[in-house]
């Protein structure tokens, strides 16, 4: 599969059969959401920087709820969580998506705003690729993200939802997460906004992979 970080919390995953999965497409956040076709779209919550499905084209199916689903060879689980540390009282609910395809399980945490309890950690087990917010303010911060990464122990960690040039959302920079993981996880920067990955590429040690979204279009 090919995994692309578009910007913010938005990823596009293209499977070997050509099917395209898009997570949390964004509205006007200082960047312009690029035009792209999708087959499946995952929306973690109804805020404009995560639910801009009108920016996408194609005959796609939208997932914006808790539950278990299956399309062809793709298995999907929407897991209940919150956008804050007050059971949703501040910012509402958040859906975590756990998607299994081609022998890999991708978990996109959306705007998770609290530390998981034991029940939630149990549902995150088996994650190979973890897309995790690290910027704080509206979500978990760098230290909380680090603790979650240690507990979930995925093969690949893809940090997201942190401050990048041009982003009009006040959140922390990646630097803070980098400082937390130093000496604990391997880290690599790919120098572009996409990577290819398959089940055969899994390593023994967890790796943090940082993508460069400088290919984004600013408004």
N, C-alpha and C. Protein backbone atom coordinates (compact mmCIF):
# COMPACT_ATOMS: atom_id res chain seq x y z
N UNK A 1 0.83 -1.18 0.00
CA UNK A 1 0.00 0.00 0.00
C UNK A 1 0.88 1.25 0.00
N UNK A 2 0.29 2.35 -0.48
CA UNK A 2 0.96 3.64 -0.45
C UNK A 2 0.23 4.52 0.56
N UNK A 3 0.97 5.07 1.50
CA UNK A 3 0.40 5.94 2.53
C UNK A 3 0.89 7.35 2.28
N UNK A 4 -0.03 8.29 2.13
CA UNK A 4 0.30 9.69 1.92
C UNK A 4 -0.23 10.53 3.08
N UNK A 5 0.63 11.39 3.60
CA UNK A 5 0.18 12.38 4.57
C UNK A 5 -0.15 13.65 3.80
N UNK A 6 -1.42 14.02 3.76
CA UNK A 6 -1.83 15.19 3.00
C UNK A 6 -1.51 16.46 3.79
N UNK A 7 -1.94 16.52 5.03
CA UNK A 7 -1.64 17.59 5.98
C UNK A 7 -2.52 17.36 7.20
N UNK A 8 -2.14 18.00 8.32
CA UNK A 8 -2.97 17.98 9.53
C UNK A 8 -3.22 16.53 9.95
N UNK A 9 -4.49 16.08 9.97
CA UNK A 9 -4.79 14.70 10.34
C UNK A 9 -5.25 13.89 9.13
N UNK A 10 -5.04 14.42 7.94
CA UNK A 10 -5.54 13.76 6.73
C UNK A 10 -4.48 12.87 6.09
N UNK A 11 -4.84 11.62 5.90
CA UNK A 11 -4.01 10.65 5.19
C UNK A 11 -4.81 10.03 4.06
N UNK A 12 -4.11 9.68 2.99
CA UNK A 12 -4.69 8.90 1.91
C UNK A 12 -3.92 7.60 1.81
N UNK A 13 -4.65 6.49 1.82
CA UNK A 13 -4.03 5.17 1.71
C UNK A 13 -4.55 4.53 0.43
N UNK A 14 -3.63 4.21 -0.47
CA UNK A 14 -3.99 3.56 -1.73
C UNK A 14 -3.58 2.10 -1.66
N UNK A 15 -4.55 1.22 -1.76
CA UNK A 15 -4.29 -0.21 -1.68
C UNK A 15 -3.76 -0.73 -3.02
N UNK A 16 -3.24 -1.92 -3.00
CA UNK A 16 -2.65 -2.52 -4.20
C UNK A 16 -3.68 -2.70 -5.31
N UNK A 17 -4.95 -2.83 -4.93
CA UNK A 17 -6.00 -2.99 -5.93
C UNK A 17 -6.53 -1.65 -6.45
N UNK A 18 -5.91 -0.54 -6.00
CA UNK A 18 -6.29 0.78 -6.47
C UNK A 18 -7.32 1.48 -5.62
N UNK A 19 -7.93 0.80 -4.67
CA UNK A 19 -8.91 1.43 -3.79
C UNK A 19 -8.23 2.49 -2.93
N UNK A 20 -8.92 3.63 -2.76
CA UNK A 20 -8.36 4.76 -2.00
C UNK A 20 -9.16 5.02 -0.74
N UNK A 21 -8.45 5.05 0.38
CA UNK A 21 -9.04 5.33 1.68
C UNK A 21 -8.53 6.70 2.14
N UNK A 22 -9.44 7.59 2.51
CA UNK A 22 -9.06 8.92 2.97
C UNK A 22 -9.55 9.12 4.40
N UNK A 23 -8.64 9.56 5.26
CA UNK A 23 -8.96 9.81 6.66
C UNK A 23 -8.99 11.31 6.92
N UNK A 24 -10.05 11.80 7.53
CA UNK A 24 -10.19 13.17 8.04
C UNK A 24 -9.79 14.26 7.03
N UNK A 25 -10.51 14.36 5.90
CA UNK A 25 -10.25 15.45 4.96
C UNK A 25 -10.58 16.80 5.61
N UNK A 26 -9.79 17.83 5.28
CA UNK A 26 -9.93 19.10 5.98
C UNK A 26 -10.50 20.21 5.10
N UNK A 27 -11.11 21.20 5.78
CA UNK A 27 -11.56 22.43 5.12
C UNK A 27 -10.44 23.44 5.15
N UNK A 28 -10.78 24.72 5.22
CA UNK A 28 -9.78 25.78 5.15
C UNK A 28 -9.03 25.91 6.47
N UNK A 29 -7.80 25.43 6.49
CA UNK A 29 -6.98 25.47 7.69
C UNK A 29 -5.64 26.16 7.42
N UNK A 30 -5.63 26.97 6.36
CA UNK A 30 -4.37 27.56 5.91
C UNK A 30 -3.82 26.81 4.73
N UNK A 31 -4.28 25.58 4.52
CA UNK A 31 -3.93 24.76 3.37
C UNK A 31 -5.19 24.50 2.55
N UNK A 32 -5.01 24.22 1.30
CA UNK A 32 -6.10 23.83 0.43
C UNK A 32 -6.10 22.32 0.30
N UNK A 33 -7.23 21.71 0.59
CA UNK A 33 -7.35 20.26 0.43
C UNK A 33 -7.23 19.92 -1.06
N UNK A 34 -6.25 19.12 -1.45
CA UNK A 34 -6.09 18.80 -2.88
C UNK A 34 -7.25 17.95 -3.40
N UNK A 35 -7.52 18.05 -4.67
CA UNK A 35 -8.56 17.24 -5.27
C UNK A 35 -8.10 15.79 -5.31
N UNK A 36 -8.96 14.89 -4.90
CA UNK A 36 -8.63 13.47 -4.96
C UNK A 36 -9.90 12.63 -4.93
N UNK A 37 -9.81 11.50 -5.60
CA UNK A 37 -10.91 10.55 -5.57
C UNK A 37 -10.76 9.63 -4.37
N UNK A 38 -11.88 9.14 -3.89
CA UNK A 38 -11.86 8.23 -2.74
C UNK A 38 -12.89 7.14 -2.94
N UNK A 39 -12.62 6.00 -2.33
CA UNK A 39 -13.58 4.90 -2.30
C UNK A 39 -14.20 4.75 -0.91
N UNK A 40 -13.38 5.04 0.12
CA UNK A 40 -13.84 5.02 1.50
C UNK A 40 -13.29 6.25 2.22
N UNK A 41 -14.15 6.92 2.97
CA UNK A 41 -13.75 8.12 3.69
C UNK A 41 -14.09 7.94 5.16
N UNK A 42 -13.11 8.23 6.01
CA UNK A 42 -13.29 8.05 7.46
C UNK A 42 -13.25 9.42 8.13
N UNK A 43 -14.32 9.71 8.87
CA UNK A 43 -14.46 11.01 9.54
C UNK A 43 -14.52 10.78 11.04
N UNK A 44 -13.51 11.26 11.74
CA UNK A 44 -13.43 11.00 13.18
C UNK A 44 -14.43 11.83 13.98
N UNK A 45 -14.74 13.04 13.50
CA UNK A 45 -15.71 13.89 14.19
C UNK A 45 -16.11 15.01 13.25
N UNK A 46 -17.10 15.81 13.65
CA UNK A 46 -17.75 16.74 12.73
C UNK A 46 -17.17 18.14 12.71
N UNK A 47 -15.92 18.32 13.08
CA UNK A 47 -15.29 19.64 12.98
C UNK A 47 -14.74 19.87 11.57
N UNK A 48 -14.76 21.13 11.12
CA UNK A 48 -14.46 21.45 9.73
C UNK A 48 -13.07 21.01 9.27
N UNK A 49 -12.14 20.88 10.21
CA UNK A 49 -10.79 20.48 9.80
C UNK A 49 -10.62 18.97 9.77
N UNK A 50 -11.74 18.24 9.83
CA UNK A 50 -11.68 16.78 9.79
C UNK A 50 -12.81 16.14 8.97
N UNK A 51 -13.79 16.93 8.54
CA UNK A 51 -14.97 16.31 7.92
C UNK A 51 -15.34 16.89 6.56
N UNK A 52 -14.36 17.44 5.84
CA UNK A 52 -14.66 18.12 4.57
C UNK A 52 -14.79 17.14 3.42
N UNK A 53 -15.80 16.30 3.49
CA UNK A 53 -15.99 15.28 2.45
C UNK A 53 -16.37 15.91 1.11
N UNK A 54 -16.86 17.15 1.13
CA UNK A 54 -17.23 17.83 -0.11
C UNK A 54 -16.01 18.14 -0.97
N UNK A 55 -14.82 18.04 -0.38
CA UNK A 55 -13.59 18.28 -1.14
C UNK A 55 -13.17 17.07 -1.97
N UNK A 56 -13.84 15.94 -1.76
CA UNK A 56 -13.45 14.69 -2.42
C UNK A 56 -14.39 14.35 -3.57
N UNK A 57 -13.89 13.54 -4.48
CA UNK A 57 -14.71 13.10 -5.61
C UNK A 57 -14.77 11.58 -5.62
N UNK A 58 -15.67 11.06 -6.43
CA UNK A 58 -15.81 9.61 -6.54
C UNK A 58 -17.06 9.11 -5.85
N UNK A 59 -17.37 7.88 -6.11
CA UNK A 59 -18.54 7.23 -5.51
C UNK A 59 -18.10 6.58 -4.20
N UNK A 60 -17.80 7.41 -3.19
CA UNK A 60 -17.22 6.89 -1.96
C UNK A 60 -18.27 6.64 -0.88
N UNK A 61 -17.89 5.79 0.04
CA UNK A 61 -18.72 5.52 1.21
C UNK A 61 -18.10 6.21 2.42
N UNK A 62 -18.93 6.88 3.19
CA UNK A 62 -18.45 7.63 4.35
C UNK A 62 -18.69 6.81 5.62
N UNK A 63 -17.66 6.75 6.45
CA UNK A 63 -17.75 6.12 7.77
C UNK A 63 -17.57 7.22 8.82
N UNK A 64 -18.59 7.41 9.62
CA UNK A 64 -18.53 8.46 10.64
C UNK A 64 -19.21 8.01 11.93
N UNK A 65 -19.11 6.71 12.19
CA UNK A 65 -19.82 6.17 13.35
C UNK A 65 -19.08 4.97 13.93
N UNK A 66 -19.46 4.66 15.15
CA UNK A 66 -18.91 3.48 15.83
C UNK A 66 -19.55 2.22 15.26
N UNK A 67 -18.78 1.16 15.14
CA UNK A 67 -19.32 -0.11 14.66
C UNK A 67 -18.29 -0.89 13.87
N UNK A 68 -18.68 -2.08 13.45
CA UNK A 68 -17.81 -2.95 12.66
C UNK A 68 -18.39 -3.09 11.26
N UNK A 69 -17.53 -2.97 10.26
CA UNK A 69 -17.96 -2.99 8.87
C UNK A 69 -16.95 -3.79 8.04
N UNK A 70 -17.39 -4.21 6.87
CA UNK A 70 -16.50 -4.94 5.98
C UNK A 70 -16.87 -4.62 4.54
N UNK A 71 -15.87 -4.23 3.75
CA UNK A 71 -16.08 -3.98 2.33
C UNK A 71 -15.00 -4.73 1.57
N UNK A 72 -15.42 -5.67 0.76
CA UNK A 72 -14.47 -6.52 0.04
C UNK A 72 -13.49 -7.13 1.04
N UNK A 73 -12.22 -6.85 0.90
CA UNK A 73 -11.22 -7.43 1.81
C UNK A 73 -10.77 -6.45 2.88
N UNK A 74 -11.52 -5.37 3.05
CA UNK A 74 -11.17 -4.35 4.05
C UNK A 74 -12.10 -4.48 5.25
N UNK A 75 -11.50 -4.67 6.42
CA UNK A 75 -12.28 -4.75 7.66
C UNK A 75 -12.10 -3.46 8.44
N UNK A 76 -13.20 -2.93 8.93
CA UNK A 76 -13.21 -1.61 9.57
C UNK A 76 -13.87 -1.70 10.94
N UNK A 77 -13.26 -1.05 11.91
CA UNK A 77 -13.87 -0.95 13.23
C UNK A 77 -13.81 0.49 13.68
N UNK A 78 -14.97 1.09 13.94
CA UNK A 78 -15.05 2.43 14.50
C UNK A 78 -15.18 2.31 16.01
N UNK A 79 -14.26 2.93 16.73
CA UNK A 79 -14.17 2.77 18.18
C UNK A 79 -14.51 4.08 18.87
N UNK A 80 -15.37 4.03 19.86
CA UNK A 80 -15.81 5.23 20.58
C UNK A 80 -14.70 5.81 21.45
N UNK A 81 -14.58 7.12 21.40
CA UNK A 81 -13.64 7.85 22.26
C UNK A 81 -14.14 9.29 22.36
N UNK A 82 -13.33 10.17 22.96
CA UNK A 82 -13.74 11.55 23.16
C UNK A 82 -12.69 12.52 22.65
N UNK A 83 -13.16 13.72 22.31
CA UNK A 83 -12.31 14.79 21.80
C UNK A 83 -11.68 15.60 22.94
N UNK A 84 -11.95 15.21 24.17
CA UNK A 84 -11.43 15.94 25.33
C UNK A 84 -11.28 15.00 26.50
N UNK A 85 -10.88 15.54 27.64
CA UNK A 85 -10.68 14.73 28.83
C UNK A 85 -11.85 14.84 29.81
N UNK A 86 -13.02 15.26 29.28
CA UNK A 86 -14.21 15.43 30.11
C UNK A 86 -15.39 14.66 29.52
N UNK A 87 -15.11 13.49 28.96
CA UNK A 87 -16.14 12.61 28.39
C UNK A 87 -16.98 13.33 27.33
N UNK A 88 -16.33 14.20 26.56
CA UNK A 88 -17.00 14.89 25.46
C UNK A 88 -17.69 16.18 25.83
N UNK A 89 -17.65 16.57 27.09
CA UNK A 89 -18.35 17.79 27.53
C UNK A 89 -17.79 19.05 26.89
N UNK A 90 -16.51 19.06 26.54
CA UNK A 90 -15.88 20.25 25.97
C UNK A 90 -15.96 20.28 24.45
N UNK A 91 -15.64 19.17 23.80
CA UNK A 91 -15.52 19.17 22.34
C UNK A 91 -16.27 18.03 21.66
N UNK A 92 -16.95 17.20 22.43
CA UNK A 92 -17.74 16.14 21.83
C UNK A 92 -17.02 14.81 21.69
N UNK A 93 -17.61 13.95 20.89
CA UNK A 93 -17.10 12.60 20.72
C UNK A 93 -16.10 12.52 19.57
N UNK A 94 -15.35 11.43 19.55
CA UNK A 94 -14.34 11.17 18.53
C UNK A 94 -14.39 9.68 18.20
N UNK A 95 -14.31 9.36 16.92
CA UNK A 95 -14.29 7.96 16.50
C UNK A 95 -12.89 7.59 16.03
N UNK A 96 -12.33 6.58 16.64
CA UNK A 96 -11.05 6.02 16.22
C UNK A 96 -11.35 4.95 15.16
N UNK A 97 -10.60 4.96 14.06
CA UNK A 97 -10.82 3.94 13.03
C UNK A 97 -9.65 2.97 12.97
N UNK A 98 -9.99 1.71 13.05
CA UNK A 98 -9.03 0.62 12.96
C UNK A 98 -9.36 -0.14 11.67
N UNK A 99 -8.48 -0.05 10.69
CA UNK A 99 -8.75 -0.58 9.36
C UNK A 99 -7.71 -1.64 9.01
N UNK A 100 -8.18 -2.81 8.64
CA UNK A 100 -7.28 -3.91 8.30
C UNK A 100 -7.41 -4.25 6.82
N UNK A 101 -6.26 -4.22 6.13
CA UNK A 101 -6.23 -4.56 4.71
C UNK A 101 -4.81 -5.00 4.35
N UNK A 102 -4.70 -5.94 3.44
CA UNK A 102 -3.40 -6.42 2.94
C UNK A 102 -2.47 -6.87 4.07
N UNK A 103 -3.05 -7.48 5.09
CA UNK A 103 -2.25 -8.01 6.17
C UNK A 103 -1.73 -6.98 7.15
N UNK A 104 -2.22 -5.74 7.06
CA UNK A 104 -1.80 -4.67 7.96
C UNK A 104 -3.01 -4.02 8.61
N UNK A 105 -2.83 -3.59 9.85
CA UNK A 105 -3.89 -2.88 10.55
C UNK A 105 -3.44 -1.45 10.83
N UNK A 106 -4.20 -0.51 10.27
CA UNK A 106 -3.95 0.92 10.45
C UNK A 106 -4.95 1.45 11.47
N UNK A 107 -4.46 2.19 12.44
CA UNK A 107 -5.35 2.83 13.41
C UNK A 107 -5.13 4.33 13.36
N UNK A 108 -6.20 5.05 13.05
CA UNK A 108 -6.19 6.52 12.99
C UNK A 108 -6.95 7.02 14.22
N UNK A 109 -6.25 7.73 15.09
CA UNK A 109 -6.85 8.13 16.37
C UNK A 109 -7.72 9.38 16.27
N UNK A 110 -7.78 10.01 15.10
CA UNK A 110 -8.59 11.22 14.99
C UNK A 110 -8.10 12.28 15.97
N UNK A 111 -9.04 13.00 16.57
CA UNK A 111 -8.70 14.02 17.57
C UNK A 111 -8.89 13.46 18.99
N UNK A 112 -8.23 12.38 19.26
CA UNK A 112 -8.31 11.80 20.60
C UNK A 112 -7.84 12.83 21.62
N UNK A 113 -8.66 13.05 22.66
CA UNK A 113 -8.33 14.10 23.63
C UNK A 113 -8.11 13.60 25.03
N UNK A 114 -7.97 12.30 25.22
CA UNK A 114 -7.81 11.74 26.56
C UNK A 114 -6.95 10.49 26.52
N UNK A 115 -6.43 10.11 27.65
CA UNK A 115 -5.68 8.86 27.74
C UNK A 115 -6.66 7.69 27.71
N UNK A 116 -6.34 6.63 26.99
CA UNK A 116 -7.23 5.47 26.93
C UNK A 116 -7.33 4.75 28.28
N UNK A 117 -8.50 4.19 28.54
CA UNK A 117 -8.63 3.28 29.69
C UNK A 117 -8.26 1.88 29.21
N UNK A 118 -8.33 0.90 30.09
CA UNK A 118 -7.91 -0.46 29.74
C UNK A 118 -8.77 -1.05 28.62
N UNK A 119 -10.05 -0.72 28.63
CA UNK A 119 -10.94 -1.23 27.59
C UNK A 119 -10.55 -0.70 26.22
N UNK A 120 -10.23 0.59 26.16
CA UNK A 120 -9.83 1.17 24.88
C UNK A 120 -8.48 0.64 24.43
N UNK A 121 -7.54 0.53 25.35
CA UNK A 121 -6.24 -0.05 24.98
C UNK A 121 -6.41 -1.45 24.39
N UNK A 122 -7.32 -2.23 24.95
CA UNK A 122 -7.55 -3.59 24.45
C UNK A 122 -8.04 -3.55 23.00
N UNK A 123 -8.83 -2.55 22.67
CA UNK A 123 -9.35 -2.44 21.30
C UNK A 123 -8.28 -1.96 20.32
N UNK A 124 -7.24 -1.33 20.84
CA UNK A 124 -6.16 -0.85 19.98
C UNK A 124 -5.09 -1.91 19.74
N UNK A 125 -5.19 -3.03 20.41
CA UNK A 125 -4.21 -4.10 20.24
C UNK A 125 -4.19 -4.59 18.79
N UNK A 126 -3.01 -4.95 18.33
CA UNK A 126 -2.87 -5.46 16.97
C UNK A 126 -2.63 -4.38 15.92
N UNK A 127 -2.47 -3.15 16.37
CA UNK A 127 -2.21 -2.05 15.44
C UNK A 127 -0.79 -2.16 14.89
N UNK A 128 -0.67 -2.13 13.57
CA UNK A 128 0.64 -2.12 12.92
C UNK A 128 1.12 -0.70 12.63
N UNK A 129 0.20 0.14 12.17
CA UNK A 129 0.52 1.52 11.81
C UNK A 129 -0.40 2.43 12.61
N UNK A 130 0.19 3.28 13.43
CA UNK A 130 -0.59 4.15 14.31
C UNK A 130 -0.45 5.60 13.85
N UNK A 131 -1.56 6.21 13.48
CA UNK A 131 -1.61 7.62 13.12
C UNK A 131 -2.11 8.37 14.35
N UNK A 132 -1.23 9.16 14.96
CA UNK A 132 -1.50 9.69 16.28
C UNK A 132 -1.27 11.20 16.36
N UNK A 133 -2.24 11.95 16.92
CA UNK A 133 -2.04 13.39 17.11
C UNK A 133 -1.02 13.63 18.22
N UNK A 134 -0.16 14.64 18.02
CA UNK A 134 0.89 14.91 19.00
C UNK A 134 0.96 16.39 19.40
N UNK A 135 0.11 17.23 18.81
CA UNK A 135 0.25 18.67 18.98
C UNK A 135 -0.42 19.29 20.19
N UNK A 136 -1.24 18.52 20.92
CA UNK A 136 -1.87 19.08 22.10
C UNK A 136 -2.92 20.13 21.80
N UNK A 137 -3.30 20.86 22.81
CA UNK A 137 -4.32 21.91 22.80
C UNK A 137 -5.72 21.34 22.55
N UNK A 138 -5.96 20.82 21.36
CA UNK A 138 -7.26 20.22 21.05
C UNK A 138 -7.24 18.70 21.19
N UNK A 139 -6.07 18.13 21.36
CA UNK A 139 -5.92 16.67 21.42
C UNK A 139 -4.94 16.31 22.54
N UNK A 140 -4.61 15.04 22.62
CA UNK A 140 -3.51 14.63 23.49
C UNK A 140 -2.25 15.37 23.08
N UNK A 141 -1.35 15.56 24.05
CA UNK A 141 -0.12 16.28 23.74
C UNK A 141 1.02 15.30 23.49
N UNK A 142 2.23 15.82 23.34
CA UNK A 142 3.38 15.00 22.99
C UNK A 142 3.67 13.92 24.03
N UNK A 143 3.60 14.29 25.30
CA UNK A 143 3.89 13.31 26.36
C UNK A 143 2.84 12.22 26.41
N UNK A 144 1.57 12.59 26.30
CA UNK A 144 0.50 11.60 26.28
C UNK A 144 0.61 10.69 25.06
N UNK A 145 0.94 11.29 23.92
CA UNK A 145 1.11 10.49 22.70
C UNK A 145 2.23 9.48 22.86
N UNK A 146 3.31 9.90 23.48
CA UNK A 146 4.44 9.00 23.72
C UNK A 146 4.01 7.82 24.59
N UNK A 147 3.26 8.09 25.65
CA UNK A 147 2.81 7.02 26.54
C UNK A 147 1.89 6.05 25.81
N UNK A 148 1.02 6.57 24.95
CA UNK A 148 0.12 5.70 24.18
C UNK A 148 0.92 4.85 23.20
N UNK A 149 1.91 5.44 22.55
CA UNK A 149 2.74 4.69 21.61
C UNK A 149 3.47 3.55 22.30
N UNK A 150 3.96 3.81 23.49
CA UNK A 150 4.65 2.76 24.24
C UNK A 150 3.70 1.62 24.56
N UNK A 151 2.50 1.94 24.93
CA UNK A 151 1.54 0.91 25.34
C UNK A 151 1.00 0.13 24.14
N UNK A 152 0.68 0.83 23.07
CA UNK A 152 0.12 0.15 21.88
C UNK A 152 1.20 -0.64 21.14
N UNK A 153 2.42 -0.11 21.13
CA UNK A 153 3.58 -0.77 20.49
C UNK A 153 3.31 -1.16 19.05
N UNK A 154 2.96 -0.21 18.21
CA UNK A 154 2.77 -0.52 16.79
C UNK A 154 4.12 -0.72 16.12
N UNK A 155 4.11 -1.14 14.87
CA UNK A 155 5.36 -1.27 14.12
C UNK A 155 5.81 0.08 13.57
N UNK A 156 4.82 0.88 13.13
CA UNK A 156 5.09 2.21 12.58
C UNK A 156 4.23 3.24 13.31
N UNK A 157 4.84 4.36 13.68
CA UNK A 157 4.12 5.49 14.26
C UNK A 157 4.19 6.64 13.27
N UNK A 158 3.04 7.18 12.89
CA UNK A 158 2.97 8.34 12.01
C UNK A 158 2.38 9.51 12.79
N UNK A 159 3.22 10.43 13.27
CA UNK A 159 2.69 11.59 14.01
C UNK A 159 1.90 12.51 13.08
N UNK A 160 0.87 13.13 13.62
CA UNK A 160 0.02 14.03 12.84
C UNK A 160 -0.53 15.11 13.77
N UNK A 161 -1.28 16.04 13.18
CA UNK A 161 -1.98 17.06 13.96
C UNK A 161 -1.00 17.85 14.84
N UNK A 162 0.06 18.35 14.19
CA UNK A 162 1.01 19.22 14.86
C UNK A 162 1.26 20.44 13.97
N UNK A 163 1.87 21.46 14.54
CA UNK A 163 2.06 22.74 13.83
C UNK A 163 3.06 22.60 12.69
N UNK A 164 2.64 23.02 11.50
CA UNK A 164 3.50 23.07 10.33
C UNK A 164 3.35 24.47 9.71
N UNK A 165 4.33 24.91 8.93
CA UNK A 165 4.25 26.25 8.34
C UNK A 165 2.98 26.43 7.52
N UNK A 166 2.26 27.51 7.79
CA UNK A 166 1.04 27.79 7.05
C UNK A 166 -0.23 27.27 7.70
N UNK A 167 -0.10 26.38 8.67
CA UNK A 167 -1.28 25.82 9.33
C UNK A 167 -1.91 26.86 10.26
N UNK A 168 -3.19 27.10 10.09
CA UNK A 168 -3.90 28.10 10.88
C UNK A 168 -4.61 27.48 12.08
N UNK A 169 -3.98 26.52 12.70
CA UNK A 169 -4.52 25.87 13.91
C UNK A 169 -3.43 25.95 14.97
N UNK A 170 -3.80 26.44 16.15
CA UNK A 170 -2.80 26.65 17.19
C UNK A 170 -2.54 25.37 17.98
N UNK A 171 -1.54 24.65 17.56
CA UNK A 171 -1.15 23.41 18.22
C UNK A 171 0.38 23.37 18.30
N UNK A 172 0.90 22.43 19.08
CA UNK A 172 2.33 22.35 19.30
C UNK A 172 3.09 21.79 18.10
N UNK A 173 4.39 22.04 18.08
CA UNK A 173 5.25 21.56 17.01
C UNK A 173 5.67 20.10 17.24
N UNK A 174 6.17 19.48 16.22
CA UNK A 174 6.64 18.09 16.29
C UNK A 174 7.83 17.96 17.23
N UNK A 175 8.58 19.03 17.38
CA UNK A 175 9.78 19.03 18.23
C UNK A 175 9.52 18.41 19.60
N UNK A 176 8.38 18.73 20.18
CA UNK A 176 8.08 18.26 21.54
C UNK A 176 7.93 16.73 21.58
N UNK A 177 7.33 16.16 20.55
CA UNK A 177 7.19 14.71 20.46
C UNK A 177 8.55 14.08 20.19
N UNK A 178 9.32 14.71 19.33
CA UNK A 178 10.67 14.20 19.03
C UNK A 178 11.51 14.12 20.30
N UNK A 179 11.39 15.10 21.17
CA UNK A 179 12.16 15.10 22.41
C UNK A 179 11.75 13.94 23.32
N UNK A 180 10.47 13.61 23.32
CA UNK A 180 9.97 12.52 24.17
C UNK A 180 10.44 11.15 23.68
N UNK A 181 10.47 10.96 22.38
CA UNK A 181 10.78 9.62 21.85
C UNK A 181 12.28 9.36 21.75
N UNK A 182 13.08 10.40 21.91
CA UNK A 182 14.53 10.28 21.71
C UNK A 182 15.12 9.18 22.59
N UNK A 183 15.82 8.24 21.96
CA UNK A 183 16.45 7.15 22.67
C UNK A 183 15.52 5.98 22.98
N UNK A 184 14.25 6.11 22.63
CA UNK A 184 13.29 5.04 22.92
C UNK A 184 12.81 4.38 21.63
N UNK A 185 12.37 5.18 20.65
CA UNK A 185 11.95 4.65 19.35
C UNK A 185 12.96 5.07 18.28
N UNK A 186 13.13 4.23 17.28
CA UNK A 186 13.86 4.64 16.09
C UNK A 186 13.04 5.72 15.38
N UNK A 187 13.73 6.64 14.68
CA UNK A 187 13.03 7.71 13.97
C UNK A 187 13.64 7.89 12.60
N UNK A 188 12.78 8.07 11.61
CA UNK A 188 13.26 8.32 10.25
C UNK A 188 12.38 9.39 9.62
N UNK A 189 13.00 10.25 8.83
CA UNK A 189 12.28 11.25 8.05
C UNK A 189 12.40 10.86 6.59
N UNK A 190 11.28 10.70 5.91
CA UNK A 190 11.31 10.19 4.53
C UNK A 190 11.56 11.28 3.50
N UNK A 191 11.42 12.57 3.88
CA UNK A 191 11.72 13.66 2.95
C UNK A 191 10.68 13.88 1.88
N UNK A 192 9.56 13.20 1.97
CA UNK A 192 8.45 13.39 1.04
C UNK A 192 7.15 13.07 1.77
N UNK A 193 6.03 13.22 1.10
CA UNK A 193 4.75 13.06 1.79
C UNK A 193 4.13 11.69 1.61
N UNK A 194 4.92 10.71 1.18
CA UNK A 194 4.34 9.38 1.03
C UNK A 194 5.39 8.30 1.23
N UNK A 195 4.90 7.10 1.51
CA UNK A 195 5.76 5.95 1.69
C UNK A 195 5.00 4.71 1.24
N UNK A 196 5.73 3.73 0.79
CA UNK A 196 5.14 2.43 0.47
C UNK A 196 5.43 1.49 1.63
N UNK A 197 4.45 0.68 1.95
CA UNK A 197 4.63 -0.24 3.07
C UNK A 197 3.78 -1.48 2.86
N UNK A 198 4.34 -2.62 3.24
CA UNK A 198 3.62 -3.89 3.15
C UNK A 198 3.87 -4.69 4.41
N UNK A 199 3.13 -5.75 4.57
CA UNK A 199 3.31 -6.60 5.75
C UNK A 199 4.73 -7.15 5.81
N UNK A 200 5.35 -7.36 4.66
CA UNK A 200 6.71 -7.90 4.62
C UNK A 200 7.76 -6.88 5.08
N UNK A 201 7.36 -5.60 5.16
CA UNK A 201 8.30 -4.54 5.54
C UNK A 201 8.37 -4.31 7.05
N UNK A 202 7.56 -5.01 7.80
CA UNK A 202 7.56 -4.79 9.25
C UNK A 202 8.90 -5.15 9.87
N UNK A 203 9.34 -4.35 10.81
CA UNK A 203 10.60 -4.57 11.51
C UNK A 203 10.31 -5.01 12.94
N UNK A 204 11.37 -5.44 13.63
CA UNK A 204 11.20 -5.86 15.02
C UNK A 204 10.97 -4.67 15.95
N UNK A 205 11.65 -3.56 15.65
CA UNK A 205 11.55 -2.39 16.50
C UNK A 205 10.53 -1.40 15.96
N UNK A 206 9.85 -0.71 16.87
CA UNK A 206 8.92 0.34 16.49
C UNK A 206 9.69 1.53 15.90
N UNK A 207 9.17 2.06 14.80
CA UNK A 207 9.79 3.22 14.16
C UNK A 207 8.79 4.37 14.06
N UNK A 208 9.27 5.56 14.37
CA UNK A 208 8.51 6.78 14.09
C UNK A 208 8.94 7.26 12.71
N UNK A 209 7.99 7.42 11.81
CA UNK A 209 8.30 7.91 10.48
C UNK A 209 7.63 9.27 10.28
N UNK A 210 8.44 10.26 9.98
CA UNK A 210 7.96 11.62 9.78
C UNK A 210 7.94 11.91 8.29
N UNK A 211 6.77 12.28 7.80
CA UNK A 211 6.63 12.64 6.39
C UNK A 211 6.72 14.15 6.24
N UNK A 212 7.14 14.58 5.06
CA UNK A 212 7.26 16.00 4.74
C UNK A 212 6.04 16.39 3.91
N UNK A 213 5.19 17.27 4.45
CA UNK A 213 4.01 17.67 3.70
C UNK A 213 4.22 19.01 3.01
N UNK A 214 5.46 19.32 2.66
CA UNK A 214 5.76 20.59 2.01
C UNK A 214 5.16 20.68 0.60
N UNK A 215 4.63 19.56 0.12
CA UNK A 215 3.97 19.57 -1.19
C UNK A 215 2.56 20.13 -1.10
N UNK A 216 2.12 20.47 0.09
CA UNK A 216 0.78 21.01 0.30
C UNK A 216 0.61 22.33 -0.45
N UNK A 217 -0.61 22.72 -0.71
CA UNK A 217 -0.91 24.01 -1.33
C UNK A 217 -1.50 24.93 -0.28
N UNK A 218 -0.82 26.04 0.00
CA UNK A 218 -1.33 26.99 0.98
C UNK A 218 -2.37 27.90 0.31
N UNK A 219 -3.35 28.33 1.11
CA UNK A 219 -4.41 29.18 0.60
C UNK A 219 -3.87 30.60 0.40
